N, C-alpha and C. Protein backbone atom coordinates (compact mmCIF):
# COMPACT_ATOMS: atom_id res chain seq x y z
N MET A 1 67.87 85.21 16.02
CA MET A 1 68.71 86.16 16.70
C MET A 1 68.92 87.36 15.79
N ILE A 2 68.84 88.53 16.33
CA ILE A 2 69.07 89.75 15.57
C ILE A 2 70.20 90.50 16.24
N ASP A 3 71.18 90.89 15.46
CA ASP A 3 72.30 91.66 15.97
C ASP A 3 72.61 92.71 14.93
N LYS A 4 72.55 93.97 15.30
CA LYS A 4 72.70 95.04 14.33
C LYS A 4 73.92 95.92 14.59
N LEU A 5 74.94 95.37 15.19
CA LEU A 5 76.14 96.16 15.41
C LEU A 5 76.82 96.50 14.08
N PRO A 6 77.46 97.66 14.01
CA PRO A 6 78.07 98.09 12.75
C PRO A 6 79.10 97.12 12.17
N ALA A 7 79.81 96.40 13.01
CA ALA A 7 80.89 95.53 12.53
C ALA A 7 80.44 94.14 12.10
N ASN A 8 79.17 93.84 12.17
CA ASN A 8 78.70 92.49 11.86
C ASN A 8 79.05 92.03 10.45
N PHE A 9 79.16 92.96 9.52
CA PHE A 9 79.45 92.57 8.14
C PHE A 9 80.77 91.81 8.03
N GLN A 10 81.68 92.05 8.96
CA GLN A 10 82.98 91.37 8.94
C GLN A 10 82.86 89.87 9.22
N SER A 11 81.77 89.48 9.84
CA SER A 11 81.62 88.10 10.30
C SER A 11 80.70 87.25 9.43
N ILE A 12 80.26 87.76 8.30
CA ILE A 12 79.32 87.00 7.47
C ILE A 12 79.89 85.64 7.08
N GLY A 13 81.14 85.58 6.68
CA GLY A 13 81.76 84.30 6.32
C GLY A 13 81.75 83.32 7.47
N ALA A 14 82.13 83.77 8.65
CA ALA A 14 82.15 82.90 9.83
C ALA A 14 80.74 82.48 10.22
N ILE A 15 79.81 83.41 10.14
CA ILE A 15 78.42 83.08 10.46
C ILE A 15 77.90 82.00 9.52
N ARG A 16 78.17 82.14 8.24
CA ARG A 16 77.71 81.16 7.26
C ARG A 16 78.39 79.81 7.43
N LYS A 17 79.65 79.81 7.87
CA LYS A 17 80.34 78.53 8.15
C LYS A 17 79.71 77.85 9.35
N ALA A 18 79.46 78.62 10.41
CA ALA A 18 78.91 78.05 11.65
C ALA A 18 77.43 77.70 11.49
N PHE A 19 76.71 78.51 10.72
CA PHE A 19 75.27 78.33 10.52
C PHE A 19 74.96 78.40 9.03
N PRO A 20 75.18 77.31 8.30
CA PRO A 20 75.01 77.33 6.84
C PRO A 20 73.63 77.77 6.37
N MET A 21 72.63 77.58 7.18
CA MET A 21 71.27 77.95 6.79
C MET A 21 70.88 79.35 7.30
N ALA A 22 71.84 80.05 7.90
CA ALA A 22 71.56 81.40 8.41
C ALA A 22 71.09 82.31 7.28
N LYS A 23 70.19 83.17 7.62
CA LYS A 23 69.71 84.16 6.66
C LYS A 23 70.25 85.52 7.08
N ILE A 24 70.77 86.22 6.11
CA ILE A 24 71.39 87.52 6.35
C ILE A 24 70.51 88.58 5.73
N ILE A 25 70.18 89.59 6.51
CA ILE A 25 69.44 90.74 5.99
C ILE A 25 70.40 91.92 6.02
N HIS A 26 70.69 92.42 4.84
CA HIS A 26 71.61 93.55 4.68
C HIS A 26 70.78 94.81 4.46
N ILE A 27 70.81 95.71 5.42
CA ILE A 27 70.10 96.97 5.29
C ILE A 27 71.12 98.03 4.91
N LYS A 28 71.00 98.50 3.67
CA LYS A 28 71.91 99.53 3.17
C LYS A 28 71.36 100.90 3.53
N ARG A 29 72.28 101.77 3.96
CA ARG A 29 71.86 103.11 4.39
C ARG A 29 72.77 104.15 3.76
N ASN A 30 72.26 105.34 3.55
CA ASN A 30 73.07 106.44 3.04
C ASN A 30 74.34 106.52 3.89
N PRO A 31 75.52 106.56 3.26
CA PRO A 31 76.78 106.58 4.03
C PRO A 31 76.86 107.72 5.05
N MET A 32 76.37 108.88 4.71
CA MET A 32 76.42 110.00 5.65
C MET A 32 75.52 109.74 6.85
N ALA A 33 74.33 109.22 6.61
CA ALA A 33 73.41 108.92 7.71
C ALA A 33 73.98 107.82 8.60
N ALA A 34 74.58 106.81 7.99
CA ALA A 34 75.20 105.73 8.78
C ALA A 34 76.34 106.27 9.62
N ALA A 35 77.16 107.13 9.04
CA ALA A 35 78.31 107.70 9.76
C ALA A 35 77.85 108.53 10.95
N VAL A 36 76.84 109.38 10.74
CA VAL A 36 76.33 110.21 11.84
C VAL A 36 75.76 109.31 12.94
N SER A 37 75.04 108.27 12.56
CA SER A 37 74.45 107.36 13.54
C SER A 37 75.55 106.68 14.37
N ILE A 38 76.57 106.17 13.71
CA ILE A 38 77.66 105.50 14.42
C ILE A 38 78.42 106.49 15.28
N PHE A 39 78.76 107.63 14.72
CA PHE A 39 79.58 108.62 15.41
C PHE A 39 78.87 109.23 16.61
N SER A 40 77.54 109.28 16.58
CA SER A 40 76.80 109.94 17.65
C SER A 40 76.31 108.98 18.74
N ASN A 41 76.59 107.70 18.59
CA ASN A 41 76.18 106.72 19.60
C ASN A 41 77.37 106.26 20.41
N TYR A 42 77.09 105.89 21.65
CA TYR A 42 78.12 105.31 22.50
C TYR A 42 78.08 103.80 22.35
N PHE A 43 79.21 103.22 21.98
CA PHE A 43 79.33 101.76 21.91
C PHE A 43 80.34 101.33 22.96
N SER A 44 80.05 100.28 23.68
CA SER A 44 80.94 99.84 24.75
C SER A 44 82.26 99.29 24.21
N ALA A 45 82.25 98.79 22.99
CA ALA A 45 83.49 98.30 22.38
C ALA A 45 84.40 99.49 22.08
N ASN A 46 85.69 99.25 22.08
CA ASN A 46 86.65 100.32 21.84
C ASN A 46 87.19 100.20 20.42
N GLU A 47 86.41 100.66 19.46
CA GLU A 47 86.82 100.61 18.06
C GLU A 47 87.19 102.02 17.61
N LEU A 48 88.32 102.15 16.94
CA LEU A 48 88.79 103.46 16.52
C LEU A 48 87.81 104.17 15.60
N TYR A 49 87.16 103.42 14.71
CA TYR A 49 86.25 104.06 13.77
C TYR A 49 85.00 104.64 14.43
N PHE A 50 84.71 104.28 15.67
CA PHE A 50 83.59 104.88 16.38
C PHE A 50 83.87 106.34 16.73
N CYS A 51 85.16 106.69 16.83
CA CYS A 51 85.55 107.98 17.39
C CYS A 51 86.28 108.90 16.42
N ASP A 52 86.60 108.44 15.24
CA ASP A 52 87.40 109.23 14.30
C ASP A 52 86.74 109.17 12.93
N LEU A 53 86.36 110.33 12.40
CA LEU A 53 85.63 110.36 11.13
C LEU A 53 86.47 109.87 9.96
N ASN A 54 87.78 110.12 9.98
CA ASN A 54 88.64 109.60 8.91
C ASN A 54 88.68 108.08 8.94
N GLU A 55 88.83 107.52 10.13
CA GLU A 55 88.81 106.05 10.27
C GLU A 55 87.46 105.50 9.86
N LEU A 56 86.40 106.20 10.21
CA LEU A 56 85.06 105.75 9.86
C LEU A 56 84.89 105.72 8.35
N GLY A 57 85.41 106.72 7.65
CA GLY A 57 85.34 106.74 6.19
C GLY A 57 86.08 105.56 5.58
N SER A 58 87.29 105.26 6.08
CA SER A 58 88.06 104.12 5.59
C SER A 58 87.34 102.81 5.88
N TYR A 59 86.79 102.71 7.06
CA TYR A 59 86.07 101.51 7.46
C TYR A 59 84.84 101.30 6.58
N TYR A 60 84.13 102.36 6.27
CA TYR A 60 82.96 102.27 5.42
C TYR A 60 83.34 101.79 4.02
N ALA A 61 84.46 102.25 3.52
CA ALA A 61 84.93 101.80 2.20
C ALA A 61 85.20 100.29 2.22
N LEU A 62 85.77 99.78 3.31
CA LEU A 62 85.98 98.33 3.45
C LEU A 62 84.63 97.59 3.47
N TYR A 63 83.69 98.15 4.17
CA TYR A 63 82.33 97.57 4.23
C TYR A 63 81.75 97.46 2.82
N ILE A 64 81.84 98.54 2.04
CA ILE A 64 81.29 98.54 0.68
C ILE A 64 81.94 97.44 -0.16
N ASP A 65 83.26 97.30 -0.06
CA ASP A 65 83.97 96.27 -0.82
C ASP A 65 83.53 94.87 -0.43
N LEU A 66 83.44 94.61 0.88
CA LEU A 66 83.07 93.27 1.33
C LEU A 66 81.63 92.94 0.97
N MET A 67 80.73 93.90 1.11
CA MET A 67 79.34 93.63 0.76
C MET A 67 79.19 93.43 -0.74
N ALA A 68 79.98 94.12 -1.54
CA ALA A 68 79.95 93.91 -2.99
C ALA A 68 80.39 92.48 -3.32
N PHE A 69 81.38 91.97 -2.58
CA PHE A 69 81.82 90.58 -2.78
C PHE A 69 80.66 89.62 -2.50
N TRP A 70 80.00 89.76 -1.33
CA TRP A 70 78.91 88.85 -0.99
C TRP A 70 77.78 88.95 -2.01
N GLN A 71 77.51 90.15 -2.46
CA GLN A 71 76.46 90.34 -3.47
C GLN A 71 76.85 89.66 -4.79
N SER A 72 78.14 89.72 -5.14
CA SER A 72 78.60 89.17 -6.42
C SER A 72 78.51 87.66 -6.50
N ILE A 73 78.57 86.98 -5.37
CA ILE A 73 78.51 85.52 -5.42
C ILE A 73 77.09 84.99 -5.22
N ALA A 74 76.13 85.91 -5.22
CA ALA A 74 74.71 85.54 -5.11
C ALA A 74 74.50 84.55 -3.97
N LEU A 75 74.92 84.94 -2.82
CA LEU A 75 74.84 84.13 -1.61
C LEU A 75 73.38 83.73 -1.32
N ALA A 76 73.15 82.44 -1.15
CA ALA A 76 71.80 81.98 -0.77
C ALA A 76 71.51 82.46 0.64
N GLY A 77 70.25 82.74 0.91
CA GLY A 77 69.89 83.20 2.24
C GLY A 77 70.29 84.65 2.47
N TRP A 78 70.32 85.41 1.40
CA TRP A 78 70.75 86.81 1.45
C TRP A 78 69.61 87.70 1.02
N TYR A 79 69.33 88.73 1.79
CA TYR A 79 68.30 89.69 1.45
C TYR A 79 68.86 91.08 1.66
N SER A 80 68.75 91.91 0.67
CA SER A 80 69.27 93.26 0.74
C SER A 80 68.15 94.26 0.55
N ILE A 81 68.16 95.30 1.36
CA ILE A 81 67.10 96.31 1.31
C ILE A 81 67.69 97.67 1.64
N GLU A 82 67.11 98.69 1.06
CA GLU A 82 67.51 100.07 1.37
C GLU A 82 66.78 100.52 2.63
N TYR A 83 67.52 101.11 3.54
CA TYR A 83 66.95 101.63 4.78
C TYR A 83 65.78 102.57 4.49
N GLU A 84 65.97 103.45 3.52
CA GLU A 84 64.94 104.43 3.19
C GLU A 84 63.65 103.75 2.70
N SER A 85 63.78 102.66 1.96
CA SER A 85 62.59 101.91 1.52
C SER A 85 61.87 101.30 2.72
N LEU A 86 62.64 100.78 3.65
CA LEU A 86 62.05 100.19 4.84
C LEU A 86 61.27 101.23 5.64
N ILE A 87 61.80 102.42 5.73
CA ILE A 87 61.14 103.49 6.48
C ILE A 87 59.93 104.04 5.72
N ASN A 88 60.08 104.22 4.42
CA ASN A 88 59.01 104.85 3.63
C ASN A 88 57.86 103.92 3.28
N SER A 89 58.09 102.63 3.20
CA SER A 89 57.01 101.67 2.92
C SER A 89 57.17 100.47 3.85
N THR A 90 57.05 100.76 5.13
CA THR A 90 57.35 99.79 6.18
C THR A 90 56.57 98.49 6.06
N GLU A 91 55.26 98.57 5.95
CA GLU A 91 54.46 97.35 5.94
C GLU A 91 54.83 96.47 4.75
N GLU A 92 54.91 97.05 3.59
CA GLU A 92 55.25 96.27 2.38
C GLU A 92 56.63 95.62 2.52
N GLN A 93 57.59 96.39 2.99
CA GLN A 93 58.95 95.87 3.12
C GLN A 93 59.04 94.79 4.21
N LEU A 94 58.35 95.00 5.31
CA LEU A 94 58.34 93.98 6.37
C LEU A 94 57.70 92.69 5.89
N GLN A 95 56.65 92.79 5.10
CA GLN A 95 56.03 91.58 4.56
C GLN A 95 57.02 90.82 3.68
N GLN A 96 57.79 91.52 2.89
CA GLN A 96 58.79 90.87 2.04
C GLN A 96 59.90 90.24 2.87
N ILE A 97 60.33 90.93 3.92
CA ILE A 97 61.36 90.38 4.80
C ILE A 97 60.85 89.11 5.48
N LEU A 98 59.63 89.16 6.00
CA LEU A 98 59.06 87.98 6.66
C LEU A 98 58.89 86.83 5.68
N GLN A 99 58.52 87.13 4.46
CA GLN A 99 58.42 86.08 3.43
C GLN A 99 59.80 85.45 3.22
N PHE A 100 60.83 86.27 3.12
CA PHE A 100 62.20 85.77 2.98
C PHE A 100 62.58 84.88 4.16
N LEU A 101 62.16 85.26 5.36
CA LEU A 101 62.46 84.49 6.57
C LEU A 101 61.53 83.30 6.77
N GLU A 102 60.55 83.17 5.86
CA GLU A 102 59.55 82.11 5.95
C GLU A 102 58.77 82.19 7.26
N LEU A 103 58.40 83.41 7.61
CA LEU A 103 57.61 83.67 8.81
C LEU A 103 56.30 84.32 8.40
N PRO A 104 55.24 84.07 9.15
CA PRO A 104 53.95 84.67 8.81
C PRO A 104 53.90 86.15 9.19
N TRP A 105 53.11 86.88 8.43
CA TRP A 105 52.89 88.29 8.74
C TRP A 105 52.05 88.39 10.01
N GLN A 106 52.41 89.33 10.87
CA GLN A 106 51.62 89.63 12.06
C GLN A 106 51.50 91.14 12.16
N SER A 107 50.31 91.61 12.42
CA SER A 107 50.09 93.06 12.48
C SER A 107 50.91 93.71 13.59
N GLN A 108 51.31 92.94 14.59
CA GLN A 108 52.13 93.47 15.68
C GLN A 108 53.49 93.98 15.18
N CYS A 109 53.86 93.57 13.98
CA CYS A 109 55.12 94.07 13.41
C CYS A 109 55.09 95.59 13.27
N LEU A 110 53.91 96.14 13.10
CA LEU A 110 53.78 97.59 12.94
C LEU A 110 53.52 98.31 14.27
N THR A 111 53.25 97.55 15.31
CA THR A 111 52.98 98.16 16.63
C THR A 111 54.01 97.71 17.66
N PHE A 112 55.22 97.43 17.21
CA PHE A 112 56.30 96.97 18.08
C PHE A 112 56.54 97.93 19.24
N HIS A 113 56.33 99.22 19.00
CA HIS A 113 56.59 100.25 20.00
C HIS A 113 55.62 100.17 21.19
N GLU A 114 54.53 99.44 21.04
CA GLU A 114 53.55 99.29 22.12
C GLU A 114 53.87 98.13 23.05
N LYS A 115 54.79 97.28 22.64
CA LYS A 115 55.13 96.09 23.43
C LYS A 115 55.85 96.52 24.71
N GLN A 116 55.41 95.94 25.79
CA GLN A 116 56.03 96.22 27.08
C GLN A 116 57.17 95.24 27.32
N GLY A 117 58.06 95.59 28.17
CA GLY A 117 59.16 94.71 28.51
C GLY A 117 60.48 95.44 28.41
N ARG A 118 61.49 94.77 28.83
CA ARG A 118 62.83 95.33 28.89
C ARG A 118 63.47 95.34 27.51
N VAL A 119 64.18 96.41 27.21
CA VAL A 119 64.91 96.54 25.95
C VAL A 119 66.37 96.84 26.30
N ILE A 120 67.28 96.01 25.78
CA ILE A 120 68.70 96.21 26.05
C ILE A 120 69.39 96.45 24.71
N THR A 121 69.43 97.69 24.30
CA THR A 121 70.05 98.07 23.04
C THR A 121 70.29 99.57 23.06
N SER A 122 71.21 100.04 22.23
CA SER A 122 71.41 101.49 22.16
C SER A 122 70.21 102.17 21.52
N SER A 123 69.32 101.40 20.94
CA SER A 123 68.10 101.94 20.31
C SER A 123 66.91 101.86 21.25
N ASP A 124 67.15 101.78 22.56
CA ASP A 124 66.06 101.57 23.51
C ASP A 124 64.98 102.65 23.46
N LYS A 125 65.36 103.89 23.16
CA LYS A 125 64.36 104.95 23.06
C LYS A 125 63.61 104.89 21.72
N GLN A 126 64.31 104.56 20.64
CA GLN A 126 63.67 104.48 19.33
C GLN A 126 62.67 103.34 19.26
N VAL A 127 62.97 102.23 19.92
CA VAL A 127 62.09 101.06 19.82
C VAL A 127 60.76 101.30 20.55
N ARG A 128 60.69 102.36 21.33
CA ARG A 128 59.45 102.71 22.02
C ARG A 128 58.62 103.72 21.23
N GLN A 129 59.06 104.00 20.00
CA GLN A 129 58.34 104.93 19.13
C GLN A 129 57.96 104.21 17.84
N PRO A 130 56.88 104.67 17.19
CA PRO A 130 56.58 104.11 15.87
C PRO A 130 57.69 104.47 14.88
N ILE A 131 57.70 103.84 13.73
CA ILE A 131 58.66 104.17 12.68
C ILE A 131 58.56 105.66 12.39
N TYR A 132 59.69 106.33 12.35
CA TYR A 132 59.68 107.75 12.05
C TYR A 132 60.73 108.05 10.97
N LYS A 133 60.47 109.09 10.20
CA LYS A 133 61.29 109.38 9.03
C LYS A 133 62.34 110.46 9.25
N ASP A 134 62.36 111.09 10.40
CA ASP A 134 63.24 112.23 10.60
C ASP A 134 64.73 111.89 10.65
N ARG A 135 65.08 110.62 10.75
CA ARG A 135 66.49 110.23 10.79
C ARG A 135 67.06 109.93 9.41
N ILE A 136 66.21 109.87 8.40
CA ILE A 136 66.68 109.51 7.06
C ILE A 136 67.76 110.48 6.58
N ASN A 137 67.52 111.77 6.70
CA ASN A 137 68.49 112.76 6.26
C ASN A 137 69.01 113.59 7.41
N SER A 138 69.17 112.97 8.57
CA SER A 138 69.58 113.72 9.76
C SER A 138 71.00 114.28 9.65
N TRP A 139 71.78 113.74 8.76
CA TRP A 139 73.15 114.23 8.60
C TRP A 139 73.15 115.61 7.98
C-alpha cells in the first residue's frame, strides 16, 4: 500500500505498532517546494495547515522534529531519500528502493506513465507523464 498524504508522518508509530514489518520510505523535499505543493493542491480533508502559510511553516517544523526522532533511533525498515535525487537519477534510486523493499527491478517502473487504467489521486495528471524536473524548484 502506498499513501503519500502530507500528514502520514504523524502515524509512523501507529503504523509500526499495527504492522511491525512495515517498511517506511521517507522522501525528503526542499521545504519551500513541499510548501508550494501542499498549498497549491486541493485536499478533501479540512486541515488548517493546507490553507495558511504560517500554520504550514509551524507544521513543517513539527515534521522535521518527528522525522529527526525516527532517524535517531535507527528504525528498522526505514529508507530515506532526497526527492531531488529521485528525480535526477530515477532509475538508480528506484533500483535501491526496490532492493530495500525486496522486490525485483522491472523496466515498467520507468514507463509508469504509459499504464492504462483509473488513477484516483491528486497527482492524476502527473502520473500520466514521465518523470519531469520542472517541479524541483517551482517555488
